[in-house]
């Protein structure tokens, strides 16, 4: 089964004539493990620094560990604005960064909606089940037409390829239309993340209806 190549998503969207998204805050979903590949930790830090350099606020899960901690520390060190959102029960486990603005909320559900509302665009870095759950929910909301915020997956070494293959299976089985591919972009280099976010068109996303002709 073939899947779209990195950055091919824009070619599949019917919104390519729309204006590029106006972005001032970027939410980053990523892993919280300090045992992650050091190259991914470095990539997360590079993204944080790049967001700061571009004057874009980082919105993230509030922790000081793993990729999320690397991204937030780098953004803050580079003079960037950072907003963390942390559920109270994770405060000790994920170690809140004292140097950045952090909102403590009561639940994971509140965390996700606060992060969604605070961001104009989203980046998905390597992560595990929590990152996957956040990304899939975000794509589901976009598929349902609830938002049209840009979504970019950073896919080093094909990390997210199994997920994209599953999406292709959905399309092949006519569970979603091919236009679903327009909901996200894929890049393999950190330096391509922000340009990809800005290139994605802004505007309403209306989910096409699947029609099967007998």
Protein backbone atom coordinates (compact mmCIF):
# COMPACT_ATOMS: atom_id res chain seq x y z
CA UNK A 1 0.00 0.00 0.00
CA UNK A 2 1.38 3.41 -0.94
CA UNK A 3 0.93 6.41 1.31
CA UNK A 4 1.32 10.12 0.53
CA UNK A 5 4.88 11.37 0.57
CA UNK A 6 5.88 14.12 3.00
CA UNK A 7 4.27 17.48 2.24
CA UNK A 8 1.93 15.90 -0.32
CA UNK A 9 -1.22 16.70 1.65
CA UNK A 10 -1.73 20.16 0.15
CA UNK A 11 -2.01 18.71 -3.31
CA UNK A 12 -5.08 16.78 -2.18
CA UNK A 13 -7.05 19.63 -0.64
CA UNK A 14 -9.86 21.53 -2.28
CA UNK A 15 -8.90 24.55 -0.17
CA UNK A 16 -5.61 25.30 -1.93
CA UNK A 17 -6.98 28.61 -3.16
CA UNK A 18 -7.65 29.81 0.37
CA UNK A 19 -5.44 32.25 2.24
CA UNK A 20 -2.61 30.79 4.36
CA UNK A 21 -3.41 30.40 8.03
CA UNK A 22 -2.75 33.34 10.37
CA UNK A 23 -0.67 31.78 13.15
CA UNK A 24 0.53 33.29 16.42
CA UNK A 25 0.43 30.24 18.75
CA UNK A 26 1.47 26.67 17.98
CA UNK A 27 0.50 23.66 20.08
CA UNK A 28 3.05 20.84 20.14
CA UNK A 29 2.02 17.28 21.00
CA UNK A 30 4.93 14.99 21.83
CA UNK A 31 6.33 12.34 24.13
CA UNK A 32 7.17 12.81 27.80
CA UNK A 33 9.87 10.14 28.09
CA UNK A 34 13.45 11.16 28.84
CA UNK A 35 14.50 7.78 27.40
CA UNK A 36 13.40 8.80 23.90
CA UNK A 37 15.86 8.85 21.01
CA UNK A 38 18.32 11.71 21.69
CA UNK A 39 17.85 12.85 18.08
CA UNK A 40 14.14 13.39 18.79
CA UNK A 41 14.94 15.35 21.95
CA UNK A 42 17.28 17.53 19.91
CA UNK A 43 14.60 17.99 17.25
CA UNK A 44 12.08 19.05 19.89
CA UNK A 45 14.55 21.60 21.23
CA UNK A 46 15.25 22.86 17.72
CA UNK A 47 11.52 23.33 17.15
CA UNK A 48 11.15 25.27 20.39
CA UNK A 49 13.98 27.59 19.41
CA UNK A 50 12.52 28.03 15.92
CA UNK A 51 9.10 28.95 17.30
CA UNK A 52 10.72 31.58 19.51
CA UNK A 53 12.75 32.95 16.60
CA UNK A 54 9.55 33.31 14.55
CA UNK A 55 7.69 35.07 17.37
CA UNK A 56 5.26 32.16 17.77
CA UNK A 57 4.02 31.20 21.22
CA UNK A 58 4.48 27.55 22.20
CA UNK A 59 1.46 25.85 23.76
CA UNK A 60 2.29 22.46 25.26
CA UNK A 61 1.37 19.98 27.98
CA UNK A 62 3.26 21.76 30.74
CA UNK A 63 5.81 19.10 31.63
CA UNK A 64 9.56 19.41 32.00
CA UNK A 65 10.35 15.87 30.85
CA UNK A 66 10.90 14.19 27.50
CA UNK A 67 10.37 15.94 24.18
CA UNK A 68 7.88 18.35 25.73
CA UNK A 69 10.41 19.56 28.28
CA UNK A 70 13.13 19.90 25.64
CA UNK A 71 10.85 21.95 23.40
CA UNK A 72 9.63 24.25 26.18
CA UNK A 73 13.07 24.88 27.70
CA UNK A 74 14.53 25.74 24.31
CA UNK A 75 11.67 28.09 23.46
CA UNK A 76 11.99 29.86 26.80
CA UNK A 77 15.80 30.07 26.58
CA UNK A 78 15.46 31.69 23.15
CA UNK A 79 13.18 34.37 24.56
CA UNK A 80 9.94 32.85 23.30
CA UNK A 81 6.51 32.85 24.90
CA UNK A 82 5.45 29.53 26.40
CA UNK A 83 2.12 28.37 27.82
CA UNK A 84 1.93 25.02 29.59
CA UNK A 85 -1.32 23.31 30.52
CA UNK A 86 -1.01 20.61 33.17
CA UNK A 87 -3.66 18.52 34.95
CA UNK A 88 -3.15 18.59 38.71
CA UNK A 89 -2.69 14.82 39.05
CA UNK A 90 0.36 14.96 36.73
CA UNK A 91 2.15 17.86 38.43
CA UNK A 92 4.66 15.64 40.25
CA UNK A 93 4.98 13.01 37.52
CA UNK A 94 5.67 15.33 34.58
CA UNK A 95 7.49 18.03 36.60
CA UNK A 96 6.10 21.48 35.83
CA UNK A 97 8.63 23.99 34.48
CA UNK A 98 8.68 26.88 36.95
CA UNK A 99 10.21 29.30 34.44
CA UNK A 100 7.23 29.35 32.05
CA UNK A 101 3.57 30.27 32.38
CA UNK A 102 1.62 27.18 33.39
CA UNK A 103 -2.10 26.72 33.90
CA UNK A 104 -3.11 23.91 36.26
CA UNK A 105 -6.41 22.26 35.30
CA UNK A 106 -8.57 19.56 36.83
CA UNK A 107 -8.58 16.86 34.14
CA UNK A 108 -7.08 15.59 30.90
CA UNK A 109 -10.22 16.69 29.07
CA UNK A 110 -9.81 20.26 30.30
CA UNK A 111 -6.12 20.16 29.40
CA UNK A 112 -6.87 19.20 25.80
CA UNK A 113 -9.59 21.80 25.25
CA UNK A 114 -7.48 24.58 26.83
CA UNK A 115 -4.56 23.68 24.57
CA UNK A 116 -6.82 23.51 21.52
CA UNK A 117 -8.40 26.88 22.24
CA UNK A 118 -5.03 28.55 22.88
CA UNK A 119 -3.46 27.39 19.60
CA UNK A 120 -3.81 28.43 15.96
CA UNK A 121 -1.93 25.40 14.62
CA UNK A 122 -0.60 22.03 15.76
CA UNK A 123 2.60 20.02 15.45
CA UNK A 124 2.81 16.31 16.25
CA UNK A 125 6.28 15.07 17.18
CA UNK A 126 7.15 11.46 18.06
CA UNK A 127 5.28 10.26 21.12
CA UNK A 128 3.37 7.32 22.50
CA UNK A 129 -0.27 6.61 23.35
CA UNK A 130 -1.04 10.07 24.76
CA UNK A 131 0.37 11.83 21.71
CA UNK A 132 -1.48 9.44 19.41
CA UNK A 133 -4.76 10.03 21.23
CA UNK A 134 -4.37 13.81 20.99
CA UNK A 135 -3.48 13.70 17.30
CA UNK A 136 -6.34 11.39 16.34
CA UNK A 137 -8.88 13.48 18.23
CA UNK A 138 -7.60 16.60 16.50
CA UNK A 139 -7.92 14.96 13.09
CA UNK A 140 -11.39 13.70 13.98
CA UNK A 141 -12.52 17.21 14.86
CA UNK A 142 -11.11 18.53 11.60
CA UNK A 143 -12.73 15.71 9.63
CA UNK A 144 -16.08 16.68 11.23
CA UNK A 145 -15.60 20.30 10.19
CA UNK A 146 -15.20 21.56 13.77
CA UNK A 147 -11.97 23.39 12.96
CA UNK A 148 -9.60 24.15 10.07
CA UNK A 149 -6.39 24.71 12.02
CA UNK A 150 -3.18 23.49 10.34
CA UNK A 151 -1.76 20.16 11.52
CA UNK A 152 1.79 19.02 10.72
CA UNK A 153 3.36 15.69 11.64
CA UNK A 154 7.13 15.59 12.09
CA UNK A 155 7.99 12.12 10.80
CA UNK A 156 11.69 11.32 11.35
CA UNK A 157 12.63 8.00 9.83
CA UNK A 158 9.01 7.16 9.09
CA UNK A 159 7.98 7.13 12.76
CA UNK A 160 4.35 7.90 11.96
CA UNK A 161 4.22 5.72 8.82
CA UNK A 162 2.12 2.93 10.45
CA UNK A 163 -0.51 5.53 11.36
CA UNK A 164 -0.60 6.91 7.83
CA UNK A 165 -0.90 3.38 6.47
CA UNK A 166 -3.93 2.87 8.70
CA UNK A 167 -5.45 6.09 7.34
CA UNK A 168 -4.86 4.79 3.81
CA UNK A 169 -6.69 1.59 4.77
CA UNK A 170 -9.64 3.71 5.92
CA UNK A 171 -9.67 5.39 2.51
CA UNK A 172 -9.28 2.11 0.60
CA UNK A 173 -12.20 0.63 2.55
CA UNK A 174 -14.30 3.74 1.78
CA UNK A 175 -14.69 4.62 5.45
CA UNK A 176 -13.45 8.14 4.75
CA UNK A 177 -13.02 9.98 1.43
CA UNK A 178 -9.63 10.63 -0.13
CA UNK A 179 -10.02 14.29 0.85
CA UNK A 180 -9.24 13.20 4.41
CA UNK A 181 -5.55 13.41 3.43
CA UNK A 182 -5.88 17.19 3.22
CA UNK A 183 -6.32 17.41 6.99
CA UNK A 184 -2.58 17.24 7.70
CA UNK A 185 0.90 17.73 6.32
CA UNK A 186 3.97 15.55 6.85
CA UNK A 187 7.58 16.73 7.01
CA UNK A 188 10.83 14.95 7.75
CA UNK A 189 12.97 17.96 8.73
CA UNK A 190 12.43 20.28 11.69
CA UNK A 191 13.16 23.33 9.57
CA UNK A 192 10.19 22.46 7.35
CA UNK A 193 7.62 22.41 10.15
CA UNK A 194 6.82 26.11 10.43
CA UNK A 195 6.75 26.72 6.65
CA UNK A 196 4.39 23.74 6.30
CA UNK A 197 2.07 25.14 8.97
CA UNK A 198 1.99 28.51 7.25
CA UNK A 199 1.41 26.96 3.83
CA UNK A 200 -1.71 25.10 4.87
CA UNK A 201 -4.79 27.06 3.80
CA UNK A 202 -7.16 28.55 6.34
CA UNK A 203 -10.89 28.30 5.89
CA UNK A 204 -13.86 26.08 6.66
CA UNK A 205 -13.34 22.36 6.51
CA UNK A 206 -16.53 20.58 5.56
CA UNK A 207 -16.39 16.81 5.57
CA UNK A 208 -17.49 15.34 2.22
CA UNK A 209 -20.22 12.73 2.35
CA UNK A 210 -19.22 9.25 1.21
CA UNK A 211 -21.49 8.06 -1.61
CA UNK A 212 -21.37 4.57 -3.06
CA UNK A 213 -23.09 4.01 -6.40
CA UNK A 214 -24.41 0.49 -6.84
